[in-house]
């Protein structure tokens, strides 16, 4: 990884440790919107993170998935409840409209994209339902595809039903369109699911890394039978296995990001591979961390249970690992 990406990682990690520590995460979990507008403005204004994928002519940095993957990894490590995946990744790649892109870049606009929905267009109005929309309860603008065109819909014009989610740091909503006014825009959603899977894979690596670090630290300090539990062979084997999976997941996620930037025609293969492996590595790391921690790992006071919930929910966010493997097999002719 380049020095520039290492510097970006260090900057984002230090910022999140100060601006959104675990106490702030838990406070936002209790908020119906799970959103801190001031934190979002700081991500945009102080660090310019919301505009990484936005072209420079619209106020962004014109970066690729490599830079976004670093940010997503750190957000996943900290469980930061921000609409970054929906806005700065999905919407920023879906639209070409300069006004919308400028709003994403400066943090004044929260947007999301309907990846799965049954929408029909009648003129410039949309009808139908989108059952599970990431940050749909919060978005100012919802980007939709219907009838071969891409539309932007004002969030206020859509009937939104937020879900009670397993992972309280990430919210989903059901959206209902009833001849809802929609503005045709210049956009492209054909590669969007693979881009989403790549960014999510990097986020899962961050969560798995937190689990590994937490389990190792606990194993060093927890004493049983007069010895640190990390000296026991069974614990050593668990942690070594988690380390192997985390590092393998990191390789898969960042290779998918590299392919997205430089070999986009191969992205469906690499995104499916990363999505499948990283989801299961994250789940394994979270589960093994709770095993190492013992009873404290499932208490409300410890953040391990929050990471386990995130791992479980993320593994189904854009499809199951099994569905990704099936797509991978089909893509390589198996």
C-alpha atoms as a PDB file:
ATOM      1  CA  UNK A   1       0.000   0.000   0.000  1.00  0.00           C
ATOM      2  CA  UNK A   2       1.359   3.435  -0.929  1.00  0.00           C
ATOM      3  CA  UNK A   3       2.512   6.056   1.550  1.00  0.00           C
ATOM      4  CA  UNK A   4      -0.381   8.278   0.461  1.00  0.00           C
ATOM      5  CA  UNK A   5      -2.942   5.626   1.387  1.00  0.00           C
ATOM      6  CA  UNK A   6      -1.159   4.963   4.685  1.00  0.00           C
ATOM      7  CA  UNK A   7      -1.339   8.684   5.461  1.00  0.00           C
ATOM      8  CA  UNK A   8      -5.032   8.740   4.559  1.00  0.00           C
ATOM      9  CA  UNK A   9      -5.661   5.788   6.855  1.00  0.00           C
ATOM     10  CA  UNK A  10      -3.821   7.425   9.762  1.00  0.00           C
ATOM     11  CA  UNK A  11      -5.698  10.695   9.272  1.00  0.00           C
ATOM     12  CA  UNK A  12      -9.130   9.052   9.142  1.00  0.00           C
ATOM     13  CA  UNK A  13      -8.396   6.827  12.135  1.00  0.00           C
ATOM     14  CA  UNK A  14      -7.208   9.738  14.268  1.00  0.00           C
ATOM     15  CA  UNK A  15     -10.226  11.821  13.263  1.00  0.00           C
ATOM     16  CA  UNK A  16     -12.725   9.078  14.108  1.00  0.00           C
ATOM     17  CA  UNK A  17     -11.056   8.398  17.462  1.00  0.00           C
ATOM     18  CA  UNK A  18     -11.618  12.036  18.372  1.00  0.00           C
ATOM     19  CA  UNK A  19     -14.906  12.808  16.635  1.00  0.00           C
ATOM     20  CA  UNK A  20     -16.805   9.532  16.991  1.00  0.00           C
ATOM     21  CA  UNK A  21     -15.480   7.353  19.839  1.00  0.00           C
ATOM     22  CA  UNK A  22     -17.522   4.351  21.059  1.00  0.00           C
ATOM     23  CA  UNK A  23     -19.516   6.577  23.419  1.00  0.00           C
ATOM     24  CA  UNK A  24     -20.661   8.690  20.476  1.00  0.00           C
ATOM     25  CA  UNK A  25     -21.506   5.571  18.453  1.00  0.00           C
ATOM     26  CA  UNK A  26     -23.767   4.332  21.231  1.00  0.00           C
ATOM     27  CA  UNK A  27     -25.414   7.733  21.532  1.00  0.00           C
ATOM     28  CA  UNK A  28     -26.214   7.712  17.825  1.00  0.00           C
ATOM     29  CA  UNK A  29     -27.539   4.159  18.041  1.00  0.00           C
ATOM     30  CA  UNK A  30     -30.237   5.454  20.374  1.00  0.00           C
ATOM     31  CA  UNK A  31     -31.174   8.229  17.917  1.00  0.00           C
ATOM     32  CA  UNK A  32     -34.072   7.288  15.592  1.00  0.00           C
ATOM     33  CA  UNK A  33     -32.121   8.649  12.611  1.00  0.00           C
ATOM     34  CA  UNK A  34     -28.710   7.377  13.804  1.00  0.00           C
ATOM     35  CA  UNK A  35     -27.186  10.474  12.249  1.00  0.00           C
ATOM     36  CA  UNK A  36     -24.999  13.304  13.498  1.00  0.00           C
ATOM     37  CA  UNK A  37     -25.211  16.213  11.048  1.00  0.00           C
ATOM     38  CA  UNK A  38     -22.236  17.955  12.615  1.00  0.00           C
ATOM     39  CA  UNK A  39     -20.066  14.854  12.219  1.00  0.00           C
ATOM     40  CA  UNK A  40     -21.125  14.537   8.581  1.00  0.00           C
ATOM     41  CA  UNK A  41     -20.197  18.165   7.919  1.00  0.00           C
ATOM     42  CA  UNK A  42     -16.798  17.598   9.508  1.00  0.00           C
ATOM     43  CA  UNK A  43     -16.156  14.523   7.355  1.00  0.00           C
ATOM     44  CA  UNK A  44     -16.899  16.688   4.328  1.00  0.00           C
ATOM     45  CA  UNK A  45     -15.374  20.001   5.365  1.00  0.00           C
ATOM     46  CA  UNK A  46     -12.312  19.059   7.392  1.00  0.00           C
ATOM     47  CA  UNK A  47     -11.253  15.895   5.540  1.00  0.00           C
ATOM     48  CA  UNK A  48     -13.041  16.100   2.207  1.00  0.00           C
ATOM     49  CA  UNK A  49     -14.020  12.431   2.498  1.00  0.00           C
ATOM     50  CA  UNK A  50     -17.513  12.755   1.047  1.00  0.00           C
ATOM     51  CA  UNK A  51     -16.083  14.014  -2.241  1.00  0.00           C
ATOM     52  CA  UNK A  52     -13.333  11.459  -2.792  1.00  0.00           C
ATOM     53  CA  UNK A  53     -15.145   9.806  -5.707  1.00  0.00           C
ATOM     54  CA  UNK A  54     -16.548  13.077  -7.119  1.00  0.00           C
ATOM     55  CA  UNK A  55     -14.693  14.509 -10.137  1.00  0.00           C
ATOM     56  CA  UNK A  56     -12.588  17.581  -9.459  1.00  0.00           C
ATOM     57  CA  UNK A  57     -14.713  19.788 -11.725  1.00  0.00           C
ATOM     58  CA  UNK A  58     -17.605  19.259  -9.314  1.00  0.00           C
ATOM     59  CA  UNK A  59     -15.666  19.983  -6.144  1.00  0.00           C
ATOM     60  CA  UNK A  60     -14.354  16.519  -5.370  1.00  0.00           C
ATOM     61  CA  UNK A  61     -10.972  14.829  -5.373  1.00  0.00           C
ATOM     62  CA  UNK A  62     -11.461  12.524  -8.349  1.00  0.00           C
ATOM     63  CA  UNK A  63     -10.141   9.487  -6.487  1.00  0.00           C
ATOM     64  CA  UNK A  64     -10.833   5.836  -7.158  1.00  0.00           C
ATOM     65  CA  UNK A  65     -11.994   2.823  -5.191  1.00  0.00           C
ATOM     66  CA  UNK A  66      -8.538   2.429  -3.673  1.00  0.00           C
ATOM     67  CA  UNK A  67      -8.918   5.579  -1.615  1.00  0.00           C
ATOM     68  CA  UNK A  68     -12.558   4.873  -0.825  1.00  0.00           C
ATOM     69  CA  UNK A  69     -11.622   1.396   0.405  1.00  0.00           C
ATOM     70  CA  UNK A  70      -9.245   2.888   2.978  1.00  0.00           C
ATOM     71  CA  UNK A  71     -11.953   5.198   4.307  1.00  0.00           C
ATOM     72  CA  UNK A  72     -14.548   2.410   4.374  1.00  0.00           C
ATOM     73  CA  UNK A  73     -12.150   0.149   6.242  1.00  0.00           C
ATOM     74  CA  UNK A  74     -11.640   2.744   8.953  1.00  0.00           C
ATOM     75  CA  UNK A  75     -15.357   3.510   9.195  1.00  0.00           C
ATOM     76  CA  UNK A  76     -16.022  -0.216   9.619  1.00  0.00           C
ATOM     77  CA  UNK A  77     -13.329  -0.512  12.256  1.00  0.00           C
ATOM     78  CA  UNK A  78     -14.935   2.295  14.268  1.00  0.00           C
ATOM     79  CA  UNK A  79     -18.585   1.338  13.495  1.00  0.00           C
ATOM     80  CA  UNK A  80     -19.154   4.976  12.576  1.00  0.00           C
ATOM     81  CA  UNK A  81     -22.898   5.571  11.922  1.00  0.00           C
ATOM     82  CA  UNK A  82     -22.667   7.829   8.857  1.00  0.00           C
ATOM     83  CA  UNK A  83     -24.360   7.489   5.434  1.00  0.00           C
ATOM     84  CA  UNK A  84     -20.980   7.200   3.720  1.00  0.00           C
ATOM     85  CA  UNK A  85     -21.573   3.980   1.814  1.00  0.00           C
ATOM     86  CA  UNK A  86     -24.922   5.199   0.484  1.00  0.00           C
ATOM     87  CA  UNK A  87     -23.820   8.736  -0.383  1.00  0.00           C
ATOM     88  CA  UNK A  88     -20.081   8.967  -1.005  1.00  0.00           C
ATOM     89  CA  UNK A  89     -19.801   5.544  -2.661  1.00  0.00           C
ATOM     90  CA  UNK A  90     -23.123   4.523  -4.247  1.00  0.00           C
ATOM     91  CA  UNK A  91     -24.658   7.877  -5.171  1.00  0.00           C
ATOM     92  CA  UNK A  92     -21.325   9.430  -6.143  1.00  0.00           C
ATOM     93  CA  UNK A  93     -20.793   6.625  -8.669  1.00  0.00           C
ATOM     94  CA  UNK A  94     -24.394   6.518  -9.886  1.00  0.00           C
ATOM     95  CA  UNK A  95     -24.931  10.136 -10.934  1.00  0.00           C
ATOM     96  CA  UNK A  96     -23.257  12.431 -13.433  1.00  0.00           C
ATOM     97  CA  UNK A  97     -25.339  15.471 -12.618  1.00  0.00           C
ATOM     98  CA  UNK A  98     -23.009  18.295 -11.563  1.00  0.00           C
ATOM     99  CA  UNK A  99     -25.384  19.836  -9.032  1.00  0.00           C
ATOM    100  CA  UNK A 100     -25.933  16.561  -7.198  1.00  0.00           C
ATOM    101  CA  UNK A 101     -22.237  15.712  -7.275  1.00  0.00           C
ATOM    102  CA  UNK A 102     -21.336  19.100  -5.833  1.00  0.00           C
ATOM    103  CA  UNK A 103     -23.800  18.570  -2.991  1.00  0.00           C
ATOM    104  CA  UNK A 104     -22.295  15.161  -2.236  1.00  0.00           C
ATOM    105  CA  UNK A 105     -18.783  16.606  -2.288  1.00  0.00           C
ATOM    106  CA  UNK A 106     -19.467  19.473   0.117  1.00  0.00           C
ATOM    107  CA  UNK A 107     -21.572  17.382   2.481  1.00  0.00           C
ATOM    108  CA  UNK A 108     -24.760  19.381   1.993  1.00  0.00           C
ATOM    109  CA  UNK A 109     -26.554  16.436   0.390  1.00  0.00           C
ATOM    110  CA  UNK A 110     -27.266  12.944   1.691  1.00  0.00           C
ATOM    111  CA  UNK A 111     -28.178  10.576  -1.106  1.00  0.00           C
ATOM    112  CA  UNK A 112     -28.821   6.888  -1.608  1.00  0.00           C
ATOM    113  CA  UNK A 113     -29.514   4.511  -4.477  1.00  0.00           C
ATOM    114  CA  UNK A 114     -32.250   1.931  -4.962  1.00  0.00           C
ATOM    115  CA  UNK A 115     -30.398  -1.266  -5.886  1.00  0.00           C
ATOM    116  CA  UNK A 116     -33.368  -3.598  -5.485  1.00  0.00           C
ATOM    117  CA  UNK A 117     -36.871  -2.416  -6.224  1.00  0.00           C
ATOM    118  CA  UNK A 118     -39.916  -2.871  -8.418  1.00  0.00           C
ATOM    119  CA  UNK A 119     -40.319   0.554  -9.979  1.00  0.00           C
ATOM    120  CA  UNK A 120     -42.134   1.602 -13.133  1.00  0.00           C
ATOM    121  CA  UNK A 121     -41.925   4.967 -14.852  1.00  0.00           C
ATOM    122  CA  UNK A 122     -44.871   6.826 -16.345  1.00  0.00           C
ATOM    123  CA  UNK A 123     -43.487   9.985 -17.799  1.00  0.00           C
ATOM    124  CA  UNK A 124     -41.528  11.653 -15.025  1.00  0.00           C
ATOM    125  CA  UNK A 125     -43.310   9.843 -12.226  1.00  0.00           C
ATOM    126  CA  UNK A 126     -42.362   6.593 -10.493  1.00  0.00           C
ATOM    127  CA  UNK A 127     -44.569   3.957  -8.917  1.00  0.00           C
ATOM    128  CA  UNK A 128     -43.551   0.909  -6.945  1.00  0.00           C
ATOM    129  CA  UNK A 129     -41.698  -0.262  -3.855  1.00  0.00           C
ATOM    130  CA  UNK A 130     -38.079  -0.537  -2.828  1.00  0.00           C
ATOM    131  CA  UNK A 131     -37.997  -2.901   0.161  1.00  0.00           C
ATOM    132  CA  UNK A 132     -34.531  -2.373   1.654  1.00  0.00           C
ATOM    133  CA  UNK A 133     -32.815   0.930   0.938  1.00  0.00           C
ATOM    134  CA  UNK A 134     -29.626   1.842   2.741  1.00  0.00           C
ATOM    135  CA  UNK A 135     -30.153   5.091   4.703  1.00  0.00           C
ATOM    136  CA  UNK A 136     -33.415   5.556   2.852  1.00  0.00           C
ATOM    137  CA  UNK A 137     -34.979   7.123   5.950  1.00  0.00           C
ATOM    138  CA  UNK A 138     -32.407   9.910   5.861  1.00  0.00           C
ATOM    139  CA  UNK A 139     -31.638  10.656   2.220  1.00  0.00           C
ATOM    140  CA  UNK A 140     -32.388  14.042   0.709  1.00  0.00           C
ATOM    141  CA  UNK A 141     -32.195  12.497  -2.755  1.00  0.00           C
ATOM    142  CA  UNK A 142     -32.934   8.932  -3.858  1.00  0.00           C
ATOM    143  CA  UNK A 143     -31.419   7.756  -7.131  1.00  0.00           C
ATOM    144  CA  UNK A 144     -33.524   5.164  -8.976  1.00  0.00           C
ATOM    145  CA  UNK A 145     -33.415   3.316 -12.274  1.00  0.00           C
ATOM    146  CA  UNK A 146     -36.625   2.534 -14.147  1.00  0.00           C
ATOM    147  CA  UNK A 147     -37.485   1.982 -17.774  1.00  0.00           C
ATOM    148  CA  UNK A 148     -33.880   2.245 -18.879  1.00  0.00           C
ATOM    149  CA  UNK A 149     -33.407   5.701 -17.347  1.00  0.00           C
ATOM    150  CA  UNK A 150     -31.954   7.061 -14.121  1.00  0.00           C
ATOM    151  CA  UNK A 151     -33.987   9.390 -11.932  1.00  0.00           C
ATOM    152  CA  UNK A 152     -33.469  11.554  -8.878  1.00  0.00           C
ATOM    153  CA  UNK A 153     -36.349  11.692  -6.396  1.00  0.00           C
ATOM    154  CA  UNK A 154     -36.649  13.996  -3.424  1.00  0.00           C
ATOM    155  CA  UNK A 155     -36.671  11.992  -0.235  1.00  0.00           C
ATOM    156  CA  UNK A 156     -39.472  14.117   1.158  1.00  0.00           C
ATOM    157  CA  UNK A 157     -41.747  13.001  -1.694  1.00  0.00           C
ATOM    158  CA  UNK A 158     -41.461   9.295  -0.859  1.00  0.00           C
ATOM    159  CA  UNK A 159     -43.338   7.324   1.808  1.00  0.00           C
ATOM    160  CA  UNK A 160     -40.548   6.000   4.038  1.00  0.00           C
ATOM    161  CA  UNK A 161     -40.841   3.271   6.648  1.00  0.00           C
ATOM    162  CA  UNK A 162     -37.669   2.796   8.725  1.00  0.00           C
ATOM    163  CA  UNK A 163     -36.881  -0.719   9.923  1.00  0.00           C
ATOM    164  CA  UNK A 164     -35.756  -1.781  13.370  1.00  0.00           C
ATOM    165  CA  UNK A 165     -32.393  -3.233  12.356  1.00  0.00           C
ATOM    166  CA  UNK A 166     -30.193  -5.821  14.044  1.00  0.00           C
ATOM    167  CA  UNK A 167     -27.240  -3.508  13.501  1.00  0.00           C
ATOM    168  CA  UNK A 168     -28.285  -0.233  15.119  1.00  0.00           C
ATOM    169  CA  UNK A 169     -25.311   1.586  13.602  1.00  0.00           C
ATOM    170  CA  UNK A 170     -26.743   1.119  10.095  1.00  0.00           C
ATOM    171  CA  UNK A 171     -30.349   1.785   9.128  1.00  0.00           C
ATOM    172  CA  UNK A 172     -32.534   0.575   6.290  1.00  0.00           C
ATOM    173  CA  UNK A 173     -35.925   1.775   5.125  1.00  0.00           C
ATOM    174  CA  UNK A 174     -38.779   0.623   2.913  1.00  0.00           C
ATOM    175  CA  UNK A 175     -39.678   3.218   0.274  1.00  0.00           C
ATOM    176  CA  UNK A 176     -43.016   3.454  -1.506  1.00  0.00           C
ATOM    177  CA  UNK A 177     -43.404   5.466  -4.701  1.00  0.00           C
ATOM    178  CA  UNK A 178     -46.930   6.470  -5.704  1.00  0.00           C
ATOM    179  CA  UNK A 179     -46.719   8.458  -8.925  1.00  0.00           C
ATOM    180  CA  UNK A 180     -43.866  10.262  -7.244  1.00  0.00           C
ATOM    181  CA  UNK A 181     -42.285  13.147  -9.181  1.00  0.00           C
ATOM    182  CA  UNK A 182     -38.881  12.127 -10.506  1.00  0.00           C
ATOM    183  CA  UNK A 183     -36.251  14.103 -12.357  1.00  0.00           C
ATOM    184  CA  UNK A 184     -34.421  12.294 -15.171  1.00  0.00           C
ATOM    185  CA  UNK A 185     -30.676  12.705 -14.678  1.00  0.00           C
ATOM    186  CA  UNK A 186     -27.457  11.678 -16.349  1.00  0.00           C
ATOM    187  CA  UNK A 187     -26.393   8.555 -14.495  1.00  0.00           C
ATOM    188  CA  UNK A 188     -25.282   4.948 -14.714  1.00  0.00           C
ATOM    189  CA  UNK A 189     -26.133   2.120 -12.299  1.00  0.00           C
ATOM    190  CA  UNK A 190     -24.845  -0.833 -14.335  1.00  0.00           C
ATOM    191  CA  UNK A 191     -21.649  -1.384 -12.253  1.00  0.00           C
ATOM    192  CA  UNK A 192     -23.077  -0.096  -9.020  1.00  0.00           C
ATOM    193  CA  UNK A 193     -23.675  -3.378  -7.199  1.00  0.00           C
ATOM    194  CA  UNK A 194     -20.077  -4.472  -7.745  1.00  0.00           C
ATOM    195  CA  UNK A 195     -18.815  -1.111  -6.529  1.00  0.00           C
ATOM    196  CA  UNK A 196     -21.039  -1.455  -3.455  1.00  0.00           C
ATOM    197  CA  UNK A 197     -19.724  -4.961  -2.774  1.00  0.00           C
ATOM    198  CA  UNK A 198     -16.127  -3.793  -3.087  1.00  0.00           C
ATOM    199  CA  UNK A 199     -16.581  -0.922  -0.661  1.00  0.00           C
ATOM    200  CA  UNK A 200     -18.503  -3.121   1.769  1.00  0.00           C
ATOM    201  CA  UNK A 201     -15.739  -5.731   1.635  1.00  0.00           C
ATOM    202  CA  UNK A 202     -13.208  -3.109   2.722  1.00  0.00           C
ATOM    203  CA  UNK A 203     -15.527  -2.069   5.537  1.00  0.00           C
ATOM    204  CA  UNK A 204     -15.790  -5.684   6.658  1.00  0.00           C
ATOM    205  CA  UNK A 205     -11.992  -5.909   6.742  1.00  0.00           C
ATOM    206  CA  UNK A 206     -11.949  -2.949   9.137  1.00  0.00           C
ATOM    207  CA  UNK A 207     -14.454  -4.613  11.428  1.00  0.00           C
ATOM    208  CA  UNK A 208     -12.559  -7.899  11.345  1.00  0.00           C
ATOM    209  CA  UNK A 209      -9.304  -6.084  12.153  1.00  0.00           C
ATOM    210  CA  UNK A 210     -10.911  -4.483  15.228  1.00  0.00           C
ATOM    211  CA  UNK A 211     -12.069  -7.922  16.355  1.00  0.00           C
ATOM    212  CA  UNK A 212      -8.591  -9.386  15.939  1.00  0.00           C
ATOM    213  CA  UNK A 213      -6.894  -6.564  17.836  1.00  0.00           C
ATOM    214  CA  UNK A 214      -9.451  -6.737  20.639  1.00  0.00           C
ATOM    215  CA  UNK A 215      -9.140 -10.509  21.046  1.00  0.00           C
ATOM    216  CA  UNK A 216      -5.340 -10.398  21.038  1.00  0.00           C
ATOM    217  CA  UNK A 217      -5.208  -7.631  23.636  1.00  0.00           C
ATOM    218  CA  UNK A 218      -7.650  -9.477  25.894  1.00  0.00           C
ATOM    219  CA  UNK A 219      -5.718 -12.730  25.540  1.00  0.00           C
ATOM    220  CA  UNK A 220      -2.569 -10.947  26.698  1.00  0.00           C
ATOM    221  CA  UNK A 221      -4.135  -9.563  29.877  1.00  0.00           C
ATOM    222  CA  UNK A 222      -6.793 -12.093  30.944  1.00  0.00           C
ATOM    223  CA  UNK A 223      -5.241 -14.502  33.451  1.00  0.00           C
ATOM    224  CA  UNK A 224      -6.630 -17.987  34.073  1.00  0.00           C
ATOM    225  CA  UNK A 225      -4.959 -20.748  36.072  1.00  0.00           C
ATOM    226  CA  UNK A 226      -2.125 -18.346  36.799  1.00  0.00           C
ATOM    227  CA  UNK A 227      -1.292 -17.671  33.133  1.00  0.00           C
ATOM    228  CA  UNK A 228      -2.479 -15.251  30.409  1.00  0.00           C
ATOM    229  CA  UNK A 229      -5.021 -17.130  28.327  1.00  0.00           C
ATOM    230  CA  UNK A 230      -3.056 -16.173  25.220  1.00  0.00           C
ATOM    231  CA  UNK A 231      -0.412 -18.687  26.292  1.00  0.00           C
ATOM    232  CA  UNK A 232      -2.845 -21.577  25.849  1.00  0.00           C
ATOM    233  CA  UNK A 233      -2.558 -23.449  22.581  1.00  0.00           C
ATOM    234  CA  UNK A 234      -6.297 -23.406  21.871  1.00  0.00           C
ATOM    235  CA  UNK A 235      -6.393 -19.588  22.074  1.00  0.00           C
ATOM    236  CA  UNK A 236      -3.232 -19.276  19.990  1.00  0.00           C
ATOM    237  CA  UNK A 237      -4.796 -21.400  17.260  1.00  0.00           C
ATOM    238  CA  UNK A 238      -7.993 -19.324  17.264  1.00  0.00           C
ATOM    239  CA  UNK A 239      -6.114 -16.048  16.967  1.00  0.00           C
ATOM    240  CA  UNK A 240      -3.753 -17.356  14.286  1.00  0.00           C
ATOM    241  CA  UNK A 241      -6.727 -18.507  12.231  1.00  0.00           C
ATOM    242  CA  UNK A 242      -8.430 -15.115  12.601  1.00  0.00           C
ATOM    243  CA  UNK A 243      -5.213 -13.343  11.568  1.00  0.00           C
ATOM    244  CA  UNK A 244      -4.956 -15.495   8.441  1.00  0.00           C
ATOM    245  CA  UNK A 245      -8.544 -14.744   7.477  1.00  0.00           C
ATOM    246  CA  UNK A 246      -8.245 -11.014   8.131  1.00  0.00           C
ATOM    247  CA  UNK A 247      -5.112 -10.670   6.008  1.00  0.00           C
ATOM    248  CA  UNK A 248      -6.611 -12.791   3.229  1.00  0.00           C
ATOM    249  CA  UNK A 249      -9.771 -10.671   3.333  1.00  0.00           C
ATOM    250  CA  UNK A 250      -7.702  -7.494   3.113  1.00  0.00           C
ATOM    251  CA  UNK A 251      -5.938  -8.823   0.015  1.00  0.00           C
ATOM    252  CA  UNK A 252      -9.253  -9.738  -1.605  1.00  0.00           C
ATOM    253  CA  UNK A 253     -10.889  -6.380  -0.845  1.00  0.00           C
ATOM    254  CA  UNK A 254      -8.013  -4.226  -2.033  1.00  0.00           C
ATOM    255  CA  UNK A 255      -7.462  -6.299  -5.152  1.00  0.00           C
ATOM    256  CA  UNK A 256     -11.131  -5.761  -6.011  1.00  0.00           C
ATOM    257  CA  UNK A 257     -10.642  -2.024  -5.469  1.00  0.00           C
ATOM    258  CA  UNK A 258      -7.570  -2.042  -7.722  1.00  0.00           C
ATOM    259  CA  UNK A 259      -9.461  -3.927 -10.423  1.00  0.00           C
ATOM    260  CA  UNK A 260     -12.357  -1.455 -10.175  1.00  0.00           C
ATOM    261  CA  UNK A 261      -9.964   1.396 -10.917  1.00  0.00           C
ATOM    262  CA  UNK A 262      -7.758  -0.225 -13.558  1.00  0.00           C
ATOM    263  CA  UNK A 263      -9.509  -3.293 -15.025  1.00  0.00           C
ATOM    264  CA  UNK A 264     -13.231  -2.543 -14.674  1.00  0.00           C
ATOM    265  CA  UNK A 265     -14.227  -5.268 -17.122  1.00  0.00           C
ATOM    266  CA  UNK A 266     -12.999  -7.849 -14.569  1.00  0.00           C
ATOM    267  CA  UNK A 267     -14.737  -6.285 -11.584  1.00  0.00           C
ATOM    268  CA  UNK A 268     -17.726  -8.692 -11.459  1.00  0.00           C
ATOM    269  CA  UNK A 269     -15.361 -11.590 -10.735  1.00  0.00           C
ATOM    270  CA  UNK A 270     -13.241  -9.823  -8.141  1.00  0.00           C
ATOM    271  CA  UNK A 271     -16.162  -8.089  -6.437  1.00  0.00           C
ATOM    272  CA  UNK A 272     -18.012 -11.389  -6.033  1.00  0.00           C
ATOM    273  CA  UNK A 273     -14.884 -13.057  -4.649  1.00  0.00           C
ATOM    274  CA  UNK A 274     -14.224 -10.235  -2.174  1.00  0.00           C
ATOM    275  CA  UNK A 275     -17.867 -10.027  -1.133  1.00  0.00           C
ATOM    276  CA  UNK A 276     -18.050 -13.731  -0.358  1.00  0.00           C
ATOM    277  CA  UNK A 277     -14.732 -14.076   1.444  1.00  0.00           C
ATOM    278  CA  UNK A 278     -14.771 -10.808   3.401  1.00  0.00           C
ATOM    279  CA  UNK A 279     -18.297 -11.352   4.712  1.00  0.00           C
ATOM    280  CA  UNK A 280     -17.411 -14.760   6.119  1.00  0.00           C
ATOM    281  CA  UNK A 281     -14.032 -13.599   7.442  1.00  0.00           C
ATOM    282  CA  UNK A 282     -15.767 -10.760   9.278  1.00  0.00           C
ATOM    283  CA  UNK A 283     -18.346 -13.117  10.764  1.00  0.00           C
ATOM    284  CA  UNK A 284     -15.657 -15.582  11.802  1.00  0.00           C
ATOM    285  CA  UNK A 285     -13.515 -12.886  13.418  1.00  0.00           C
ATOM    286  CA  UNK A 286     -16.466 -11.466  15.338  1.00  0.00           C
ATOM    287  CA  UNK A 287     -17.576 -14.889  16.566  1.00  0.00           C
ATOM    288  CA  UNK A 288     -14.100 -15.990  17.616  1.00  0.00           C
ATOM    289  CA  UNK A 289     -13.526 -12.706  19.433  1.00  0.00           C
ATOM    290  CA  UNK A 290     -16.592 -13.367  21.559  1.00  0.00           C
ATOM    291  CA  UNK A 291     -15.298 -16.883  22.242  1.00  0.00           C
ATOM    292  CA  UNK A 292     -11.952 -15.499  23.431  1.00  0.00           C
ATOM    293  CA  UNK A 293     -13.608 -12.812  25.545  1.00  0.00           C
ATOM    294  CA  UNK A 294     -16.052 -15.245  27.097  1.00  0.00           C
ATOM    295  CA  UNK A 295     -19.146 -13.933  28.860  1.00  0.00           C
ATOM    296  CA  UNK A 296     -18.104 -10.277  28.682  1.00  0.00           C
ATOM    297  CA  UNK A 297     -18.201 -10.466  24.895  1.00  0.00           C
ATOM    298  CA  UNK A 298     -21.981 -10.728  24.824  1.00  0.00           C
ATOM    299  CA  UNK A 299     -22.692  -8.050  27.417  1.00  0.00           C
ATOM    300  CA  UNK A 300     -24.178  -4.744  26.362  1.00  0.00           C
ATOM    301  CA  UNK A 301     -21.222  -2.905  27.880  1.00  0.00           C
ATOM    302  CA  UNK A 302     -18.636  -4.435  25.527  1.00  0.00           C
ATOM    303  CA  UNK A 303     -18.462  -3.415  21.866  1.00  0.00           C
ATOM    304  CA  UNK A 304     -17.798  -6.974  20.675  1.00  0.00           C
ATOM    305  CA  UNK A 305     -21.517  -7.655  20.431  1.00  0.00           C
ATOM    306  CA  UNK A 306     -21.941  -4.542  18.272  1.00  0.00           C
ATOM    307  CA  UNK A 307     -19.319  -5.822  15.858  1.00  0.00           C
ATOM    308  CA  UNK A 308     -20.982  -9.238  15.773  1.00  0.00           C
ATOM    309  CA  UNK A 309     -24.286  -7.593  14.840  1.00  0.00           C
ATOM    310  CA  UNK A 310     -22.587  -5.503  12.147  1.00  0.00           C
ATOM    311  CA  UNK A 311     -20.879  -8.594  10.731  1.00  0.00           C
ATOM    312  CA  UNK A 312     -24.150 -10.540  10.668  1.00  0.00           C
ATOM    313  CA  UNK A 313     -26.138  -7.738   9.029  1.00  0.00           C
ATOM    314  CA  UNK A 314     -23.434  -6.791   6.518  1.00  0.00           C
ATOM    315  CA  UNK A 315     -23.165 -10.386   5.334  1.00  0.00           C
ATOM    316  CA  UNK A 316     -26.698 -10.026   3.914  1.00  0.00           C
ATOM    317  CA  UNK A 317     -26.725  -6.353   2.949  1.00  0.00           C
ATOM    318  CA  UNK A 318     -26.185  -6.764  -0.811  1.00  0.00           C
ATOM    319  CA  UNK A 319     -26.721 -10.498  -1.060  1.00  0.00           C
ATOM    320  CA  UNK A 320     -25.493 -13.545   0.817  1.00  0.00           C
ATOM    321  CA  UNK A 321     -22.001 -15.053   0.524  1.00  0.00           C
ATOM    322  CA  UNK A 322     -23.622 -18.059  -1.162  1.00  0.00           C
ATOM    323  CA  UNK A 323     -25.180 -15.845  -3.842  1.00  0.00           C
ATOM    324  CA  UNK A 324     -21.839 -14.152  -4.479  1.00  0.00           C
ATOM    325  CA  UNK A 325     -20.122 -17.519  -4.878  1.00  0.00           C
ATOM    326  CA  UNK A 326     -22.792 -18.632  -7.318  1.00  0.00           C
ATOM    327  CA  UNK A 327     -22.252 -15.468  -9.373  1.00  0.00           C
ATOM    328  CA  UNK A 328     -18.488 -15.984  -9.218  1.00  0.00           C
ATOM    329  CA  UNK A 329     -18.830 -19.557 -10.426  1.00  0.00           C
ATOM    330  CA  UNK A 330     -21.007 -18.453 -13.314  1.00  0.00           C
ATOM    331  CA  UNK A 331     -18.589 -15.660 -14.226  1.00  0.00           C
ATOM    332  CA  UNK A 332     -15.610 -18.023 -14.497  1.00  0.00           C
ATOM    333  CA  UNK A 333     -17.589 -20.728 -16.273  1.00  0.00           C
ATOM    334  CA  UNK A 334     -17.987 -23.294 -13.511  1.00  0.00           C
END
